[in-house]
Amino acid sequence: MLQGTWELKCGWDAELPEEIASNFRKWTSHLSLLTEVKIPSGGESAERHLMQAVQHEVFLQKPENFAKGN
């Protein structure tokens, strides 16, 4: 986005073209999702966290789903 505005030689106080402004609004609307990012502590690997999440999900599945192959 920044490069696109630079290539257009837009001034700092100039109104942005609608396409760039729309992309910027979309980008800023997704910033709140950053609060959901979890970074593992230094002592544990990301792979371990992933395996724990998968094991937890499998544990929560209903036993009858396994018999059906779900």
Protein backbone atom coordinates (compact mmCIF):
# COMPACT_ATOMS: atom_id res chain seq x y z
CA MET A 1 0.00 0.00 0.00
CA LEU A 2 2.72 2.44 0.97
CA GLN A 3 4.66 1.66 -2.19
CA GLY A 4 1.52 2.19 -4.27
CA THR A 5 0.98 5.67 -2.85
CA TRP A 6 4.66 6.46 -3.30
CA GLU A 7 4.52 5.39 -6.95
CA LEU A 8 1.53 7.71 -7.47
CA LYS A 9 3.59 10.54 -5.94
CA CYS A 10 0.72 11.39 -3.61
CA GLY A 11 1.36 14.22 -1.20
CA TRP A 12 1.00 13.57 2.54
CA ASP A 13 -2.24 15.52 2.71
CA ALA A 14 -3.65 14.39 -0.65
CA GLU A 15 -6.78 12.26 -0.79
CA LEU A 16 -5.97 8.68 -1.70
CA PRO A 17 -7.49 6.95 -4.72
CA GLU A 18 -10.50 4.84 -3.67
CA GLU A 19 -8.78 1.50 -4.39
CA ILE A 20 -5.86 2.29 -2.09
CA ALA A 21 -8.15 3.81 0.56
CA SER A 22 -10.37 0.72 0.46
CA ASN A 23 -7.37 -1.61 0.81
CA PHE A 24 -6.13 0.46 3.75
CA ARG A 25 -9.52 0.29 5.50
CA LYS A 26 -9.61 -3.47 4.98
CA TRP A 27 -6.05 -3.80 6.36
CA THR A 28 -6.84 -1.72 9.45
CA SER A 29 -10.02 -3.73 10.10
CA HIS A 30 -7.89 -6.88 10.36
CA LEU A 31 -5.43 -5.39 12.86
CA SER A 32 -7.67 -6.39 15.78
CA LEU A 33 -7.00 -10.03 14.85
CA LEU A 34 -3.42 -9.59 16.06
CA THR A 35 -4.70 -9.88 19.62
CA GLU A 36 -5.51 -13.52 18.86
CA VAL A 37 -1.93 -14.39 17.92
CA LYS A 38 -0.28 -16.52 20.56
CA ILE A 39 3.49 -16.84 20.61
CA PRO A 40 4.84 -19.83 22.51
CA SER A 41 7.16 -19.12 25.40
CA GLY A 42 10.87 -19.62 24.86
CA GLY A 43 10.90 -23.06 26.47
CA GLU A 44 8.31 -24.67 24.21
CA SER A 45 8.31 -25.07 20.47
CA ALA A 46 5.51 -24.14 18.10
CA GLU A 47 5.34 -27.80 17.01
CA ARG A 48 4.60 -28.88 20.57
CA HIS A 49 1.76 -26.35 20.83
CA LEU A 50 0.36 -27.56 17.52
CA MET A 51 0.48 -31.19 18.64
CA GLN A 52 -1.26 -30.29 21.90
CA ALA A 53 -3.99 -28.45 19.99
CA VAL A 54 -4.51 -31.41 17.66
CA GLN A 55 -4.57 -33.86 20.58
CA HIS A 56 -7.09 -31.65 22.38
CA GLU A 57 -9.30 -31.49 19.28
CA VAL A 58 -9.15 -35.26 18.82
CA PHE A 59 -9.97 -35.76 22.51
CA LEU A 60 -13.09 -33.61 22.13
CA GLN A 61 -14.39 -35.58 19.15
CA LYS A 62 -17.29 -37.96 19.76
CA PRO A 63 -16.22 -41.62 19.70
CA GLU A 64 -18.90 -42.46 17.14
CA ASN A 65 -17.26 -40.07 14.65
CA PHE A 66 -14.14 -42.21 14.63
CA ALA A 67 -16.12 -45.30 13.68
CA LYS A 68 -17.55 -43.38 10.69
CA GLY A 69 -14.13 -42.11 9.65
CA ASN A 70 -14.91 -38.44 10.41
